[in-house]
Amino acid sequence: MAAKYLAHFGLKSSPFTKEISDDELWLPPSKQEVLADLVEALRERTSVLLTGEPGVGKTCVLRALRRKLPQGTFRLTYCHNATLGRRDFYRQLCLALGLSPSATAAALFFGVSSHVEDLGRERIHPVFLLDEAQLLHQDTLDHLHILLNYEWDSKALLSLVLVGLPELADRMTLRRNRCLYSRIQYRLTIDPIVPDDTADYIAYRLTGSGCKREVFTSDAIAMIHETALGSLRDIDRVATAALRASARRKRKLVERDVVDHVINILGV
């Protein structure tokens, strides 16, 4: 049964849900530039460090990347459970790649590296997307540069995309991680969105849900932006709560006082 606030505002579906297809993702100019850099990096068969604060859209950029790269040339493998030791990390990779996980760490590594070499012979470039990489165990980080070494370090058969919070960049600059860091040619940052982006994002999501009129006042949007600090995740949460509260008050517009009310309730 559809939520009552949807009918109140003439919406076909929840406008701020995360359940949207890759081709419906919203990317402002700043994120489109990051996406272009990612595509360029992978076409050059290099590795990438991608950092940003929580909720700024790192995973959205990865999803857009998945749609942008030709499937016949690239093979993307996404791993988001970073809280594993080295052996279990490679076991997770094996499962994600459709390989049978072996018993020993050496056999697991051999299985993954052999698979990478097989893809290279098929002219397919594998890309391992390691999300929440700031949580990677140090013993895993210590070993990743070896995973990039093929044929006496003369072949670029694999790209790593390490994705995480800003502290990941701090970890990578430590002397202990210099072997891996030196192999990461692209170091990208996703910045929080600006006020105009917030207004465009809210309008885009409402339009996608069938809205044909203005719903949020400019003051309400400004307050949402100030509260969310550029986090799309927080924009979604506050905007949804504000729609519900405005519908309960039988208002046709979401105004600043309602946004202020829901912010206090949500404790954002």
C-alpha atoms as a PDB file:
ATOM      1  CA  MET A   1       0.000   0.000   0.000  1.00  0.00           C
ATOM      2  CA  ALA A   2       1.419   3.380  -1.021  1.00  0.00           C
ATOM      3  CA  ALA A   3       2.278   5.894   1.699  1.00  0.00           C
ATOM      4  CA  LYS A   4      -0.359   8.608   2.163  1.00  0.00           C
ATOM      5  CA  TYR A   5       2.099  11.428   1.545  1.00  0.00           C
ATOM      6  CA  LEU A   6       2.674  10.172  -2.001  1.00  0.00           C
ATOM      7  CA  ALA A   7      -0.986  10.650  -2.922  1.00  0.00           C
ATOM      8  CA  HIS A   8      -1.038  14.025  -1.176  1.00  0.00           C
ATOM      9  CA  PHE A   9       1.739  15.354  -3.418  1.00  0.00           C
ATOM     10  CA  GLY A  10       0.685  13.417  -6.518  1.00  0.00           C
ATOM     11  CA  LEU A  11       3.757  11.176  -6.513  1.00  0.00           C
ATOM     12  CA  LYS A  12       3.860   7.771  -8.212  1.00  0.00           C
ATOM     13  CA  SER A  13       6.639   6.427  -5.989  1.00  0.00           C
ATOM     14  CA  SER A  14       8.916   7.390  -3.104  1.00  0.00           C
ATOM     15  CA  PRO A  15      11.155  10.082  -4.603  1.00  0.00           C
ATOM     16  CA  PHE A  16      14.149   9.685  -2.296  1.00  0.00           C
ATOM     17  CA  THR A  17      14.530   5.925  -2.199  1.00  0.00           C
ATOM     18  CA  LYS A  18      17.926   4.382  -2.909  1.00  0.00           C
ATOM     19  CA  GLU A  19      16.250   1.737  -5.078  1.00  0.00           C
ATOM     20  CA  ILE A  20      16.871   3.350  -8.463  1.00  0.00           C
ATOM     21  CA  SER A  21      18.456   1.906 -11.581  1.00  0.00           C
ATOM     22  CA  ASP A  22      21.939   2.848 -12.727  1.00  0.00           C
ATOM     23  CA  ASP A  23      20.591   4.829 -15.687  1.00  0.00           C
ATOM     24  CA  GLU A  24      18.493   7.009 -13.341  1.00  0.00           C
ATOM     25  CA  LEU A  25      21.370   8.055 -11.089  1.00  0.00           C
ATOM     26  CA  TRP A  26      21.860  11.783 -10.599  1.00  0.00           C
ATOM     27  CA  LEU A  27      25.399  13.103 -10.942  1.00  0.00           C
ATOM     28  CA  PRO A  28      26.259  16.809 -10.677  1.00  0.00           C
ATOM     29  CA  PRO A  29      29.097  18.232 -12.833  1.00  0.00           C
ATOM     30  CA  SER A  30      31.675  17.614 -10.082  1.00  0.00           C
ATOM     31  CA  LYS A  31      30.835  13.893  -9.918  1.00  0.00           C
ATOM     32  CA  GLN A  32      30.682  13.610 -13.686  1.00  0.00           C
ATOM     33  CA  GLU A  33      34.287  14.824 -13.729  1.00  0.00           C
ATOM     34  CA  VAL A  34      35.275  12.174 -11.177  1.00  0.00           C
ATOM     35  CA  LEU A  35      33.477   9.544 -13.269  1.00  0.00           C
ATOM     36  CA  ALA A  36      35.351  10.676 -16.384  1.00  0.00           C
ATOM     37  CA  ASP A  37      38.663  10.396 -14.509  1.00  0.00           C
ATOM     38  CA  LEU A  38      37.752   6.910 -13.315  1.00  0.00           C
ATOM     39  CA  VAL A  39      36.925   5.771 -16.824  1.00  0.00           C
ATOM     40  CA  GLU A  40      40.182   7.251 -18.133  1.00  0.00           C
ATOM     41  CA  ALA A  41      42.180   5.554 -15.376  1.00  0.00           C
ATOM     42  CA  LEU A  42      40.710   2.135 -16.100  1.00  0.00           C
ATOM     43  CA  ARG A  43      41.116   2.494 -19.848  1.00  0.00           C
ATOM     44  CA  GLU A  44      44.781   3.147 -19.065  1.00  0.00           C
ATOM     45  CA  ARG A  45      44.748  -0.011 -16.896  1.00  0.00           C
ATOM     46  CA  THR A  46      45.872   1.856 -13.796  1.00  0.00           C
ATOM     47  CA  SER A  47      44.674   1.797 -10.183  1.00  0.00           C
ATOM     48  CA  VAL A  48      42.669   4.433  -8.328  1.00  0.00           C
ATOM     49  CA  LEU A  49      42.216   5.817  -4.823  1.00  0.00           C
ATOM     50  CA  LEU A  50      38.736   7.353  -4.430  1.00  0.00           C
ATOM     51  CA  THR A  51      37.833   9.090  -1.162  1.00  0.00           C
ATOM     52  CA  GLY A  52      34.997  11.204   0.183  1.00  0.00           C
ATOM     53  CA  GLU A  53      32.966  11.898   3.307  1.00  0.00           C
ATOM     54  CA  PRO A  54      30.023   9.596   4.191  1.00  0.00           C
ATOM     55  CA  GLY A  55      26.985   9.993   1.958  1.00  0.00           C
ATOM     56  CA  VAL A  56      28.547  12.175  -0.751  1.00  0.00           C
ATOM     57  CA  GLY A  57      27.848   9.607  -3.469  1.00  0.00           C
ATOM     58  CA  LYS A  58      30.901   7.343  -3.756  1.00  0.00           C
ATOM     59  CA  THR A  59      28.812   4.251  -4.448  1.00  0.00           C
ATOM     60  CA  CYS A  60      26.647   6.186  -6.925  1.00  0.00           C
ATOM     61  CA  VAL A  61      29.792   7.022  -8.886  1.00  0.00           C
ATOM     62  CA  LEU A  62      30.800   3.339  -8.847  1.00  0.00           C
ATOM     63  CA  ARG A  63      27.375   2.357 -10.144  1.00  0.00           C
ATOM     64  CA  ALA A  64      27.653   4.934 -12.909  1.00  0.00           C
ATOM     65  CA  LEU A  65      31.095   3.535 -13.701  1.00  0.00           C
ATOM     66  CA  ARG A  66      29.604   0.051 -14.046  1.00  0.00           C
ATOM     67  CA  ARG A  67      27.193   1.367 -16.664  1.00  0.00           C
ATOM     68  CA  LYS A  68      29.861   3.408 -18.457  1.00  0.00           C
ATOM     69  CA  LEU A  69      32.450   0.680 -19.069  1.00  0.00           C
ATOM     70  CA  PRO A  70      31.852  -1.847 -21.873  1.00  0.00           C
ATOM     71  CA  GLN A  71      31.171  -5.289 -20.391  1.00  0.00           C
ATOM     72  CA  GLY A  72      32.987  -7.066 -23.200  1.00  0.00           C
ATOM     73  CA  THR A  73      36.265  -5.334 -22.294  1.00  0.00           C
ATOM     74  CA  PHE A  74      36.104  -4.914 -18.515  1.00  0.00           C
ATOM     75  CA  ARG A  75      35.115  -7.258 -15.689  1.00  0.00           C
ATOM     76  CA  LEU A  76      34.149  -5.389 -12.500  1.00  0.00           C
ATOM     77  CA  THR A  77      34.103  -7.180  -9.151  1.00  0.00           C
ATOM     78  CA  TYR A  78      32.680  -5.282  -6.177  1.00  0.00           C
ATOM     79  CA  CYS A  79      33.736  -6.148  -2.614  1.00  0.00           C
ATOM     80  CA  HIS A  80      32.327  -4.223   0.335  1.00  0.00           C
ATOM     81  CA  ASN A  81      33.256  -6.400   3.323  1.00  0.00           C
ATOM     82  CA  ALA A  82      36.623  -4.895   4.151  1.00  0.00           C
ATOM     83  CA  THR A  83      36.834  -6.121   7.753  1.00  0.00           C
ATOM     84  CA  LEU A  84      38.622  -9.335   6.846  1.00  0.00           C
ATOM     85  CA  GLY A  85      42.103 -10.659   7.305  1.00  0.00           C
ATOM     86  CA  ARG A  86      44.182 -11.442   4.240  1.00  0.00           C
ATOM     87  CA  ARG A  87      43.133 -15.085   3.893  1.00  0.00           C
ATOM     88  CA  ASP A  88      39.408 -14.338   4.209  1.00  0.00           C
ATOM     89  CA  PHE A  89      39.797 -11.337   1.908  1.00  0.00           C
ATOM     90  CA  TYR A  90      41.103 -13.579  -0.867  1.00  0.00           C
ATOM     91  CA  ARG A  91      38.422 -16.143  -0.062  1.00  0.00           C
ATOM     92  CA  GLN A  92      35.817 -13.404  -0.554  1.00  0.00           C
ATOM     93  CA  LEU A  93      37.430 -12.463  -3.871  1.00  0.00           C
ATOM     94  CA  CYS A  94      37.345 -16.080  -5.013  1.00  0.00           C
ATOM     95  CA  LEU A  95      33.635 -16.336  -4.239  1.00  0.00           C
ATOM     96  CA  ALA A  96      32.904 -13.027  -5.986  1.00  0.00           C
ATOM     97  CA  LEU A  97      34.818 -14.225  -9.040  1.00  0.00           C
ATOM     98  CA  GLY A  98      33.011 -17.559  -9.103  1.00  0.00           C
ATOM     99  CA  LEU A  99      36.112 -19.518  -8.117  1.00  0.00           C
ATOM    100  CA  SER A 100      36.270 -22.373  -5.632  1.00  0.00           C
ATOM    101  CA  PRO A 101      37.939 -21.057  -2.458  1.00  0.00           C
ATOM    102  CA  SER A 102      40.966 -23.095  -1.452  1.00  0.00           C
ATOM    103  CA  ALA A 103      42.107 -24.020   2.033  1.00  0.00           C
ATOM    104  CA  THR A 104      45.369 -22.090   2.265  1.00  0.00           C
ATOM    105  CA  ALA A 105      46.149 -18.397   1.793  1.00  0.00           C
ATOM    106  CA  ALA A 106      48.769 -19.209  -0.844  1.00  0.00           C
ATOM    107  CA  ALA A 107      46.295 -21.280  -2.868  1.00  0.00           C
ATOM    108  CA  LEU A 108      43.656 -18.532  -2.614  1.00  0.00           C
ATOM    109  CA  PHE A 109      46.101 -15.932  -3.918  1.00  0.00           C
ATOM    110  CA  PHE A 110      47.197 -18.263  -6.701  1.00  0.00           C
ATOM    111  CA  GLY A 111      43.579 -18.844  -7.718  1.00  0.00           C
ATOM    112  CA  VAL A 112      42.842 -15.105  -7.943  1.00  0.00           C
ATOM    113  CA  SER A 113      46.070 -14.209  -9.768  1.00  0.00           C
ATOM    114  CA  SER A 114      45.644 -17.111 -12.227  1.00  0.00           C
ATOM    115  CA  HIS A 115      42.096 -15.926 -12.956  1.00  0.00           C
ATOM    116  CA  VAL A 116      43.419 -12.423 -13.665  1.00  0.00           C
ATOM    117  CA  GLU A 117      45.974 -13.858 -16.093  1.00  0.00           C
ATOM    118  CA  ASP A 118      43.278 -15.931 -17.822  1.00  0.00           C
ATOM    119  CA  LEU A 119      41.155 -12.815 -18.329  1.00  0.00           C
ATOM    120  CA  GLY A 120      44.187 -11.022 -19.750  1.00  0.00           C
ATOM    121  CA  ARG A 121      44.587 -13.728 -22.387  1.00  0.00           C
ATOM    122  CA  GLU A 122      40.924 -13.151 -23.279  1.00  0.00           C
ATOM    123  CA  ARG A 123      41.625  -9.394 -23.592  1.00  0.00           C
ATOM    124  CA  ILE A 124      39.343  -8.649 -20.650  1.00  0.00           C
ATOM    125  CA  HIS A 125      40.624  -6.224 -18.022  1.00  0.00           C
ATOM    126  CA  PRO A 126      39.486  -7.074 -14.454  1.00  0.00           C
ATOM    127  CA  VAL A 127      38.790  -4.312 -11.962  1.00  0.00           C
ATOM    128  CA  PHE A 128      38.454  -5.000  -8.226  1.00  0.00           C
ATOM    129  CA  LEU A 129      36.356  -2.328  -6.486  1.00  0.00           C
ATOM    130  CA  LEU A 130      37.190  -2.428  -2.771  1.00  0.00           C
ATOM    131  CA  ASP A 131      34.617  -0.332  -0.911  1.00  0.00           C
ATOM    132  CA  GLU A 132      35.021   0.840   2.698  1.00  0.00           C
ATOM    133  CA  ALA A 133      38.733   0.315   2.144  1.00  0.00           C
ATOM    134  CA  GLN A 134      39.638   2.445   5.168  1.00  0.00           C
ATOM    135  CA  LEU A 135      38.637  -0.662   7.184  1.00  0.00           C
ATOM    136  CA  LEU A 136      41.045  -3.018   5.407  1.00  0.00           C
ATOM    137  CA  HIS A 137      43.304  -4.956   7.765  1.00  0.00           C
ATOM    138  CA  GLN A 138      46.912  -3.881   7.528  1.00  0.00           C
ATOM    139  CA  ASP A 139      48.015  -7.372   6.531  1.00  0.00           C
ATOM    140  CA  THR A 140      45.666  -7.122   3.534  1.00  0.00           C
ATOM    141  CA  LEU A 141      46.996  -3.695   2.548  1.00  0.00           C
ATOM    142  CA  ASP A 142      50.537  -5.053   2.895  1.00  0.00           C
ATOM    143  CA  HIS A 143      49.763  -7.661   0.246  1.00  0.00           C
ATOM    144  CA  LEU A 144      47.693  -5.807  -2.350  1.00  0.00           C
ATOM    145  CA  HIS A 145      50.662  -4.465  -4.283  1.00  0.00           C
ATOM    146  CA  ILE A 146      51.732  -8.076  -4.909  1.00  0.00           C
ATOM    147  CA  LEU A 147      48.345  -8.739  -6.493  1.00  0.00           C
ATOM    148  CA  LEU A 148      49.193  -6.032  -9.069  1.00  0.00           C
ATOM    149  CA  ASN A 149      52.506  -7.657 -10.008  1.00  0.00           C
ATOM    150  CA  TYR A 150      52.397  -9.773 -13.189  1.00  0.00           C
ATOM    151  CA  GLU A 151      55.218 -10.997 -15.427  1.00  0.00           C
ATOM    152  CA  TRP A 152      57.973  -9.354 -13.394  1.00  0.00           C
ATOM    153  CA  ASP A 153      55.811  -6.244 -12.908  1.00  0.00           C
ATOM    154  CA  SER A 154      55.791  -5.610 -16.659  1.00  0.00           C
ATOM    155  CA  LYS A 155      52.079  -6.207 -17.381  1.00  0.00           C
ATOM    156  CA  ALA A 156      49.083  -4.153 -16.210  1.00  0.00           C
ATOM    157  CA  LEU A 157      46.591  -7.024 -16.010  1.00  0.00           C
ATOM    158  CA  LEU A 158      44.527  -5.740 -13.082  1.00  0.00           C
ATOM    159  CA  SER A 159      43.201  -2.434 -11.712  1.00  0.00           C
ATOM    160  CA  LEU A 160      42.316  -1.823  -8.080  1.00  0.00           C
ATOM    161  CA  VAL A 161      39.870   0.897  -7.075  1.00  0.00           C
ATOM    162  CA  LEU A 162      40.214   1.569  -3.347  1.00  0.00           C
ATOM    163  CA  VAL A 163      37.157   3.481  -2.120  1.00  0.00           C
ATOM    164  CA  GLY A 164      36.727   4.916   1.344  1.00  0.00           C
ATOM    165  CA  LEU A 165      36.562   7.795   3.768  1.00  0.00           C
ATOM    166  CA  PRO A 166      39.252  10.528   3.830  1.00  0.00           C
ATOM    167  CA  GLU A 167      41.229   8.650   6.470  1.00  0.00           C
ATOM    168  CA  LEU A 168      42.004   6.051   3.808  1.00  0.00           C
ATOM    169  CA  ALA A 169      44.176   8.634   2.036  1.00  0.00           C
ATOM    170  CA  ASP A 170      45.950   9.272   5.347  1.00  0.00           C
ATOM    171  CA  ARG A 171      46.654   5.556   5.759  1.00  0.00           C
ATOM    172  CA  MET A 172      48.024   5.270   2.247  1.00  0.00           C
ATOM    173  CA  THR A 173      50.639   7.963   2.873  1.00  0.00           C
ATOM    174  CA  LEU A 174      52.167   5.960   5.732  1.00  0.00           C
ATOM    175  CA  ARG A 175      55.628   4.623   4.941  1.00  0.00           C
ATOM    176  CA  ARG A 176      54.418   1.058   5.487  1.00  0.00           C
ATOM    177  CA  ASN A 177      51.979   1.393   2.564  1.00  0.00           C
ATOM    178  CA  ARG A 178      54.334   3.098   0.102  1.00  0.00           C
ATOM    179  CA  CYS A 179      54.674   0.014  -2.149  1.00  0.00           C
ATOM    180  CA  LEU A 180      50.935   0.025  -2.813  1.00  0.00           C
ATOM    181  CA  TYR A 181      50.518   3.806  -2.854  1.00  0.00           C
ATOM    182  CA  SER A 182      53.228   4.228  -5.479  1.00  0.00           C
ATOM    183  CA  ARG A 183      51.233   1.932  -7.792  1.00  0.00           C
ATOM    184  CA  ILE A 184      48.065   4.043  -7.538  1.00  0.00           C
ATOM    185  CA  GLN A 185      48.368   6.617 -10.300  1.00  0.00           C
ATOM    186  CA  TYR A 186      44.945   8.281  -9.889  1.00  0.00           C
ATOM    187  CA  ARG A 187      44.011   9.785  -6.511  1.00  0.00           C
ATOM    188  CA  LEU A 188      40.514  11.243  -6.655  1.00  0.00           C
ATOM    189  CA  THR A 189      38.238  12.977  -4.147  1.00  0.00           C
ATOM    190  CA  ILE A 190      34.460  13.362  -4.215  1.00  0.00           C
ATOM    191  CA  ASP A 191      33.515  16.680  -2.638  1.00  0.00           C
ATOM    192  CA  PRO A 192      30.186  17.465  -0.955  1.00  0.00           C
ATOM    193  CA  ILE A 193      27.617  19.017  -3.278  1.00  0.00           C
ATOM    194  CA  VAL A 194      26.977  22.791  -3.366  1.00  0.00           C
ATOM    195  CA  PRO A 195      23.598  24.508  -2.684  1.00  0.00           C
ATOM    196  CA  ASP A 196      22.578  24.633  -6.356  1.00  0.00           C
ATOM    197  CA  ASP A 197      23.301  20.906  -6.612  1.00  0.00           C
ATOM    198  CA  THR A 198      20.962  20.207  -3.695  1.00  0.00           C
ATOM    199  CA  ALA A 199      18.138  22.097  -5.403  1.00  0.00           C
ATOM    200  CA  ASP A 200      18.779  20.272  -8.687  1.00  0.00           C
ATOM    201  CA  TYR A 201      18.945  16.907  -6.917  1.00  0.00           C
ATOM    202  CA  ILE A 202      15.639  17.384  -5.087  1.00  0.00           C
ATOM    203  CA  ALA A 203      13.927  18.543  -8.293  1.00  0.00           C
ATOM    204  CA  TYR A 204      15.381  15.620 -10.253  1.00  0.00           C
ATOM    205  CA  ARG A 205      14.196  13.019  -7.754  1.00  0.00           C
ATOM    206  CA  LEU A 206      10.711  14.557  -7.520  1.00  0.00           C
ATOM    207  CA  THR A 207      10.372  14.677 -11.294  1.00  0.00           C
ATOM    208  CA  GLY A 208      11.346  11.019 -11.487  1.00  0.00           C
ATOM    209  CA  SER A 209       8.472  10.230  -9.135  1.00  0.00           C
ATOM    210  CA  GLY A 210       5.936  11.997 -11.328  1.00  0.00           C
ATOM    211  CA  CYS A 211       5.885  15.390  -9.640  1.00  0.00           C
ATOM    212  CA  LYS A 212       4.982  18.187 -12.071  1.00  0.00           C
ATOM    213  CA  ARG A 213       5.153  21.209  -9.758  1.00  0.00           C
ATOM    214  CA  GLU A 214       7.292  22.879  -7.134  1.00  0.00           C
ATOM    215  CA  VAL A 215       7.072  21.140  -3.761  1.00  0.00           C
ATOM    216  CA  PHE A 216       9.943  22.491  -1.635  1.00  0.00           C
ATOM    217  CA  THR A 217      10.324  26.230  -1.087  1.00  0.00           C
ATOM    218  CA  SER A 218      13.775  27.738  -1.654  1.00  0.00           C
ATOM    219  CA  ASP A 219      14.127  28.394   2.098  1.00  0.00           C
ATOM    220  CA  ALA A 220      13.329  24.759   2.853  1.00  0.00           C
ATOM    221  CA  ILE A 221      15.910  23.557   0.332  1.00  0.00           C
ATOM    222  CA  ALA A 222      18.525  25.908   1.791  1.00  0.00           C
ATOM    223  CA  MET A 223      17.929  24.492   5.275  1.00  0.00           C
ATOM    224  CA  ILE A 224      18.133  20.918   3.999  1.00  0.00           C
ATOM    225  CA  HIS A 225      21.452  21.700   2.334  1.00  0.00           C
ATOM    226  CA  GLU A 226      22.860  23.365   5.459  1.00  0.00           C
ATOM    227  CA  THR A 227      21.827  20.376   7.562  1.00  0.00           C
ATOM    228  CA  ALA A 228      22.976  17.632   5.209  1.00  0.00           C
ATOM    229  CA  LEU A 229      26.394  19.217   4.605  1.00  0.00           C
ATOM    230  CA  GLY A 230      26.407  17.877   1.056  1.00  0.00           C
ATOM    231  CA  SER A 231      25.444  14.308   1.988  1.00  0.00           C
ATOM    232  CA  LEU A 232      22.895  12.858  -0.446  1.00  0.00           C
ATOM    233  CA  ARG A 233      21.954  10.229   2.123  1.00  0.00           C
ATOM    234  CA  ASP A 234      20.980  12.901   4.664  1.00  0.00           C
ATOM    235  CA  ILE A 235      19.158  14.919   2.001  1.00  0.00           C
ATOM    236  CA  ASP A 236      17.052  11.850   1.243  1.00  0.00           C
ATOM    237  CA  ARG A 237      16.258  11.283   4.906  1.00  0.00           C
ATOM    238  CA  VAL A 238      15.334  14.874   5.746  1.00  0.00           C
ATOM    239  CA  ALA A 239      13.384  15.465   2.526  1.00  0.00           C
ATOM    240  CA  THR A 240      11.307  12.304   3.001  1.00  0.00           C
ATOM    241  CA  ALA A 241      10.490  13.208   6.610  1.00  0.00           C
ATOM    242  CA  ALA A 242       9.566  16.751   5.532  1.00  0.00           C
ATOM    243  CA  LEU A 243       7.197  15.438   2.847  1.00  0.00           C
ATOM    244  CA  ARG A 244       5.477  13.203   5.384  1.00  0.00           C
ATOM    245  CA  ALA A 245       5.152  16.001   7.953  1.00  0.00           C
ATOM    246  CA  SER A 246       3.826  18.479   5.393  1.00  0.00           C
ATOM    247  CA  ALA A 247       1.248  15.974   4.167  1.00  0.00           C
ATOM    248  CA  ARG A 248       0.033  15.382   7.726  1.00  0.00           C
ATOM    249  CA  ARG A 249      -0.440  19.156   8.040  1.00  0.00           C
ATOM    250  CA  LYS A 250      -2.261  19.139   4.688  1.00  0.00           C
ATOM    251  CA  ARG A 251       0.189  21.594   3.153  1.00  0.00           C
ATOM    252  CA  LYS A 252       0.852  21.653  -0.567  1.00  0.00           C
ATOM    253  CA  LEU A 253       4.374  23.032  -0.084  1.00  0.00           C
ATOM    254  CA  VAL A 254       7.231  21.886   2.147  1.00  0.00           C
ATOM    255  CA  GLU A 255       8.305  25.006   4.003  1.00  0.00           C
ATOM    256  CA  ARG A 256      11.216  25.945   6.237  1.00  0.00           C
ATOM    257  CA  ASP A 257       9.344  25.551   9.530  1.00  0.00           C
ATOM    258  CA  VAL A 258       8.454  21.932   8.718  1.00  0.00           C
ATOM    259  CA  VAL A 259      12.039  21.154   7.721  1.00  0.00           C
ATOM    260  CA  ASP A 260      13.255  22.695  10.981  1.00  0.00           C
ATOM    261  CA  HIS A 261      10.738  20.548  12.883  1.00  0.00           C
ATOM    262  CA  VAL A 262      11.812  17.250  11.285  1.00  0.00           C
ATOM    263  CA  ILE A 263      15.497  18.095  11.706  1.00  0.00           C
ATOM    264  CA  ASN A 264      14.952  18.464  15.442  1.00  0.00           C
ATOM    265  CA  ILE A 265      13.079  15.153  15.567  1.00  0.00           C
ATOM    266  CA  LEU A 266      15.639  13.274  13.461  1.00  0.00           C
ATOM    267  CA  GLY A 267      18.527  14.767  15.392  1.00  0.00           C
ATOM    268  CA  VAL A 268      20.506  15.357  12.202  1.00  0.00           C
END
